[in-house]
Amino acid sequence: MTRVLAASIAAVILAAPAVSQELPRRLGGANGPPAAADAPGRPVPTLPDGTVDLSGVWTDGGSAPLEGLLKPGELKANMLPWAQTRYDSRDESKDPYNNCMPGGPLRITGGFAWRFVQHPTVNATHVFMLQEGNAHTYRQIFMDGRRHPEDPTPTWYGHSIGRWEGATLVIDTIGLHNRFWLDSAGTPHTEQLHLVERWTRTDFNTLRRDVTITDPGAFTQPFTVTYTAKLAEPGSEIMEYICIENNQYEIQVEQPAAAR
């Protein structure tokens, strides 16, 4: 289904008039935006309060299947029996993400361009991750020192609190339901899922994302995977993307009278 979607987008791009040729630079995935040119020696930017500036449009950083980020056989060996069975029974056609559902904290950065926003830029109280693709959604991270609620209502992105450890942004997330897959390969989880992400801007163009995954309901022990996100070329933007489960809009819409 992902391949069909990509082909459909490509067809729209090819059919678009000249004024819309910036479209590939605004989409994610194989259609763009391209990565920024290498900037060796260019310092990592900081905000007025001294924290690292993570803002900008980025690509990738969460799309790779977990199995490929670990040693061969390590993921399945770490799964409880029920999780192994569930994993083996899944294929791409069953992925909720391909039915326009949010992909959870890991996959909000995969497949399409996305943007980091720190607000305000001095002593930020919130960090937002804006995703242009799929459910066209966002994730918020509280930076104001609050704690997790004792009994959070499970949601697609959970409850996230963040803090700085030197130049690394640490995001701690709980309160996640089990209606999304951890990756496109179908790695399952339960509502006991606990994610700790460490975001480090290793150079001007690169974000390293180390994620420790803990879920005693699905795995025998915690494990850590690493993703890489790349800064998009200057002028790149995220754009509107409409994907709603069982969307009937095209069937119902009427053409303006002048177009008939």
Protein backbone atom coordinates (compact mmCIF):
# COMPACT_ATOMS: atom_id res chain seq x y z
CA MET A 1 0.00 0.00 0.00
CA THR A 2 2.94 2.32 0.73
CA ARG A 3 4.25 1.73 -2.80
CA VAL A 4 0.82 2.51 -4.26
CA LEU A 5 0.65 5.73 -2.26
CA ALA A 6 4.12 6.78 -3.44
CA ALA A 7 3.17 6.04 -7.05
CA SER A 8 -0.01 8.10 -6.71
CA ILE A 9 1.92 11.06 -5.31
CA ALA A 10 4.45 10.80 -8.12
CA ALA A 11 1.64 10.79 -10.70
CA VAL A 12 0.17 13.95 -9.19
CA ILE A 13 3.57 15.64 -9.27
CA LEU A 14 4.15 14.76 -12.92
CA ALA A 15 0.71 16.06 -13.87
CA ALA A 16 1.03 19.30 -11.91
CA PRO A 17 1.49 22.64 -13.72
CA ALA A 18 4.85 24.41 -13.67
CA VAL A 19 3.84 26.64 -10.78
CA SER A 20 3.63 23.55 -8.55
CA GLN A 21 7.08 22.15 -9.26
CA GLU A 22 8.19 22.93 -5.71
CA LEU A 23 5.97 20.07 -4.53
CA PRO A 24 8.70 17.37 -4.49
CA ARG A 25 10.82 19.57 -2.22
CA ARG A 26 7.97 19.76 0.28
CA LEU A 27 7.02 16.10 0.43
CA GLY A 28 8.89 13.51 2.40
CA GLY A 29 10.06 10.04 1.49
CA ALA A 30 11.58 9.36 -1.91
CA ASN A 31 10.03 12.53 -3.37
CA GLY A 32 12.00 14.91 -1.15
CA PRO A 33 12.96 17.20 0.32
CA PRO A 34 16.64 16.65 -0.44
CA ALA A 35 19.13 16.74 2.41
CA ALA A 36 21.04 19.95 2.96
CA ALA A 37 24.55 20.13 1.54
CA ASP A 38 27.32 18.99 3.86
CA ALA A 39 28.59 21.78 6.09
CA PRO A 40 31.87 20.54 7.57
CA GLY A 41 33.03 22.69 10.44
CA ARG A 42 29.76 24.60 10.69
CA PRO A 43 28.85 24.75 14.39
CA VAL A 44 25.69 23.28 15.82
CA PRO A 45 23.33 26.24 16.38
CA THR A 46 22.14 27.21 19.84
CA LEU A 47 19.24 29.28 21.13
CA PRO A 48 19.59 32.43 23.26
CA ASP A 49 19.29 30.37 26.45
CA GLY A 50 22.25 28.21 25.40
CA THR A 51 20.30 25.04 24.52
CA VAL A 52 20.84 23.34 21.18
CA ASP A 53 18.56 24.55 18.41
CA LEU A 54 16.77 21.51 16.98
CA SER A 55 14.34 23.52 14.87
CA GLY A 56 14.03 22.94 11.16
CA VAL A 57 12.63 20.49 8.65
CA TRP A 58 14.12 17.01 8.97
CA THR A 59 13.75 13.74 7.10
CA ASP A 60 13.77 10.20 8.47
CA GLY A 61 14.81 9.40 12.03
CA GLY A 62 12.28 6.67 12.75
CA SER A 63 11.24 4.73 9.66
CA ALA A 64 13.63 1.76 9.76
CA PRO A 65 12.23 -1.58 11.04
CA LEU A 66 13.63 -2.42 14.48
CA GLU A 67 14.92 -5.80 13.33
CA GLY A 68 17.37 -4.13 10.96
CA LEU A 69 18.76 -1.93 13.73
CA LEU A 70 19.71 -4.88 15.97
CA LYS A 71 21.87 -7.97 15.63
CA PRO A 72 20.35 -10.73 13.48
CA GLY A 73 17.70 -12.60 15.46
CA GLU A 74 18.00 -10.32 18.49
CA LEU A 75 14.56 -8.73 18.23
CA LYS A 76 12.56 -11.95 18.00
CA ALA A 77 14.69 -13.61 20.67
CA ASN A 78 13.71 -10.77 22.98
CA MET A 79 9.97 -11.14 22.29
CA LEU A 80 7.60 -13.00 24.57
CA PRO A 81 5.90 -15.96 22.82
CA TRP A 82 2.64 -14.11 22.13
CA ALA A 83 4.56 -11.20 20.61
CA GLN A 84 6.54 -13.52 18.33
CA THR A 85 3.30 -15.09 17.11
CA ARG A 86 1.70 -11.70 16.52
CA TYR A 87 4.81 -10.43 14.72
CA ASP A 88 4.90 -13.44 12.39
CA SER A 89 1.22 -13.04 11.50
CA ARG A 90 1.45 -9.43 10.38
CA ASP A 91 2.09 -8.03 6.93
CA GLU A 92 2.05 -4.55 5.40
CA SER A 93 -1.60 -4.74 4.43
CA LYS A 94 -2.59 -4.88 8.11
CA ASP A 95 -0.52 -1.89 9.21
CA PRO A 96 -2.81 0.74 10.86
CA TYR A 97 -0.41 3.42 9.58
CA ASN A 98 -1.40 2.52 6.03
CA ASN A 99 -5.03 3.18 6.97
CA CYS A 100 -4.19 6.77 7.95
CA MET A 101 -3.79 6.09 11.66
CA PRO A 102 -0.96 7.80 13.61
CA GLY A 103 2.22 5.73 13.79
CA GLY A 104 3.17 6.50 17.39
CA PRO A 105 6.25 8.34 18.70
CA LEU A 106 8.82 6.44 16.63
CA ARG A 107 7.16 6.65 13.24
CA ILE A 108 6.11 10.30 13.45
CA THR A 109 9.57 10.99 12.00
CA GLY A 110 9.51 8.32 9.31
CA GLY A 111 8.39 8.40 5.70
CA PHE A 112 7.63 12.11 5.36
CA ALA A 113 9.30 15.38 6.24
CA TRP A 114 8.70 16.67 9.76
CA ARG A 115 9.58 19.73 11.82
CA PHE A 116 10.96 20.30 15.31
CA VAL A 117 9.60 23.41 17.08
CA GLN A 118 10.90 24.68 20.44
CA HIS A 119 8.57 27.16 22.12
CA PRO A 120 9.43 29.70 23.26
CA THR A 121 13.00 29.96 22.02
CA VAL A 122 14.20 31.02 25.46
CA ASN A 123 13.62 28.47 28.23
CA ALA A 124 11.23 26.42 26.11
CA THR A 125 8.23 25.01 27.96
CA HIS A 126 7.18 22.81 25.03
CA VAL A 127 8.77 21.01 22.12
CA PHE A 128 6.56 20.01 19.19
CA MET A 129 7.15 17.50 16.43
CA LEU A 130 4.96 18.32 13.43
CA GLN A 131 4.35 15.59 10.85
CA GLU A 132 3.12 16.47 7.38
CA GLY A 133 2.30 12.94 6.30
CA ASN A 134 -0.29 10.30 7.03
CA ALA A 135 -2.52 11.60 9.83
CA HIS A 136 -1.06 15.14 9.47
CA THR A 137 -0.52 15.32 13.19
CA TYR A 138 1.77 16.50 15.95
CA ARG A 139 3.44 15.35 19.14
CA GLN A 140 4.04 17.58 22.16
CA ILE A 141 6.77 17.22 24.76
CA PHE A 142 6.43 19.10 28.04
CA MET A 143 9.64 20.86 29.08
CA ASP A 144 8.28 22.73 32.11
CA GLY A 145 9.35 20.26 34.79
CA ARG A 146 6.02 18.48 35.22
CA ARG A 147 5.88 14.76 35.98
CA HIS A 148 3.95 12.02 34.24
CA PRO A 149 0.38 11.58 35.49
CA GLU A 150 0.00 8.56 37.76
CA ASP A 151 -2.57 6.90 35.50
CA PRO A 152 -2.42 8.46 32.02
CA THR A 153 -5.13 7.73 29.48
CA PRO A 154 -3.42 5.71 26.73
CA THR A 155 -3.12 7.61 23.44
CA TRP A 156 -1.30 7.37 20.11
CA TYR A 157 1.64 9.52 21.26
CA GLY A 158 1.37 9.10 25.01
CA HIS A 159 2.52 11.58 27.64
CA SER A 160 6.02 12.94 26.98
CA ILE A 161 8.23 14.98 29.30
CA GLY A 162 11.63 16.30 28.31
CA ARG A 163 14.81 17.66 29.80
CA TRP A 164 18.27 18.64 28.63
CA GLU A 165 21.33 16.65 29.59
CA GLY A 166 24.10 18.86 28.24
CA ALA A 167 23.59 19.03 24.48
CA THR A 168 21.17 16.08 24.41
CA LEU A 169 17.39 16.36 24.60
CA VAL A 170 15.99 13.45 26.63
CA ILE A 171 12.31 12.59 26.08
CA ASP A 172 10.52 10.16 28.40
CA THR A 173 7.17 8.80 27.19
CA ILE A 174 4.52 6.59 28.80
CA GLY A 175 0.74 6.27 28.40
CA LEU A 176 0.79 4.68 24.95
CA HIS A 177 -1.98 2.39 23.73
CA ASN A 178 -1.30 -0.69 21.62
CA ARG A 179 -3.23 0.23 18.46
CA PHE A 180 -0.16 1.21 16.43
CA TRP A 181 2.83 -0.85 15.31
CA LEU A 182 6.27 0.11 16.54
CA ASP A 183 7.53 -0.20 12.96
CA SER A 184 6.38 -1.11 9.47
CA ALA A 185 7.42 -4.74 10.05
CA GLY A 186 4.71 -5.14 12.69
CA THR A 187 6.67 -5.18 15.96
CA PRO A 188 3.98 -5.37 18.68
CA HIS A 189 3.84 -3.79 22.10
CA THR A 190 1.49 -3.36 25.05
CA GLU A 191 0.29 -0.42 27.12
CA GLN A 192 3.29 -1.01 29.40
CA LEU A 193 5.49 0.50 26.68
CA HIS A 194 8.00 3.05 27.97
CA LEU A 195 10.24 4.99 25.59
CA VAL A 196 13.30 7.06 26.48
CA GLU A 197 14.72 9.01 23.54
CA ARG A 198 18.03 10.84 23.45
CA TRP A 199 18.24 13.40 20.65
CA THR A 200 21.73 14.76 19.88
CA ARG A 201 22.60 17.12 17.02
CA THR A 202 25.95 15.57 16.18
CA ASP A 203 26.71 18.15 13.48
CA PHE A 204 24.85 20.92 11.68
CA ASN A 205 23.00 18.52 9.37
CA THR A 206 22.53 15.42 11.53
CA LEU A 207 20.35 14.35 14.44
CA ARG A 208 21.16 11.12 16.26
CA ARG A 209 18.20 9.50 18.01
CA ASP A 210 18.92 6.75 20.54
CA VAL A 211 15.72 5.11 21.79
CA THR A 212 15.54 2.70 24.73
CA ILE A 213 12.40 0.56 24.48
CA THR A 214 11.04 -1.06 27.62
CA ASP A 215 7.86 -3.16 27.60
CA PRO A 216 7.69 -6.10 30.01
CA GLY A 217 4.39 -7.09 28.42
CA ALA A 218 6.04 -7.82 25.07
CA PHE A 219 9.81 -8.11 25.59
CA THR A 220 12.04 -9.98 28.00
CA GLN A 221 14.35 -7.00 28.53
CA PRO A 222 14.84 -3.38 27.42
CA PHE A 223 16.80 -2.70 24.25
CA THR A 224 18.13 0.35 22.44
CA VAL A 225 18.02 1.29 18.76
CA THR A 226 19.56 4.25 16.95
CA TYR A 227 18.09 6.30 14.11
CA THR A 228 19.53 9.18 12.10
CA ALA A 229 17.64 12.21 10.80
CA LYS A 230 19.00 14.63 8.20
CA LEU A 231 18.32 18.35 7.89
CA ALA A 232 16.44 19.24 4.71
CA GLU A 233 17.85 21.75 2.25
CA PRO A 234 17.21 25.45 2.98
CA GLY A 235 13.72 26.60 2.06
CA SER A 236 12.11 23.20 2.61
CA GLU A 237 8.69 23.16 4.25
CA ILE A 238 6.22 20.61 5.49
CA MET A 239 2.89 20.77 3.70
CA GLU A 240 -0.74 19.86 4.03
CA TYR A 241 -1.46 16.17 3.60
CA ILE A 242 -4.94 14.71 3.97
CA CYS A 243 -5.28 11.07 4.95
CA ILE A 244 -8.41 10.08 6.84
CA GLU A 245 -9.54 6.52 7.44
CA ASN A 246 -12.39 5.53 5.08
CA ASN A 247 -12.29 8.94 3.43
CA GLN A 248 -15.44 9.44 1.32
CA TYR A 249 -14.83 13.07 0.36
CA GLU A 250 -14.11 12.52 -3.31
CA ILE A 251 -17.39 10.63 -3.69
CA GLN A 252 -19.46 13.36 -2.04
CA VAL A 253 -17.85 16.55 -3.39
CA GLU A 254 -19.74 18.57 -6.02
CA GLN A 255 -18.10 20.62 -8.74
CA PRO A 256 -18.76 24.40 -8.76
CA ALA A 257 -21.51 25.42 -11.17
CA ALA A 258 -19.05 27.25 -13.40
CA ALA A 259 -17.06 24.05 -13.91
CA ARG A 260 -20.05 21.99 -15.10
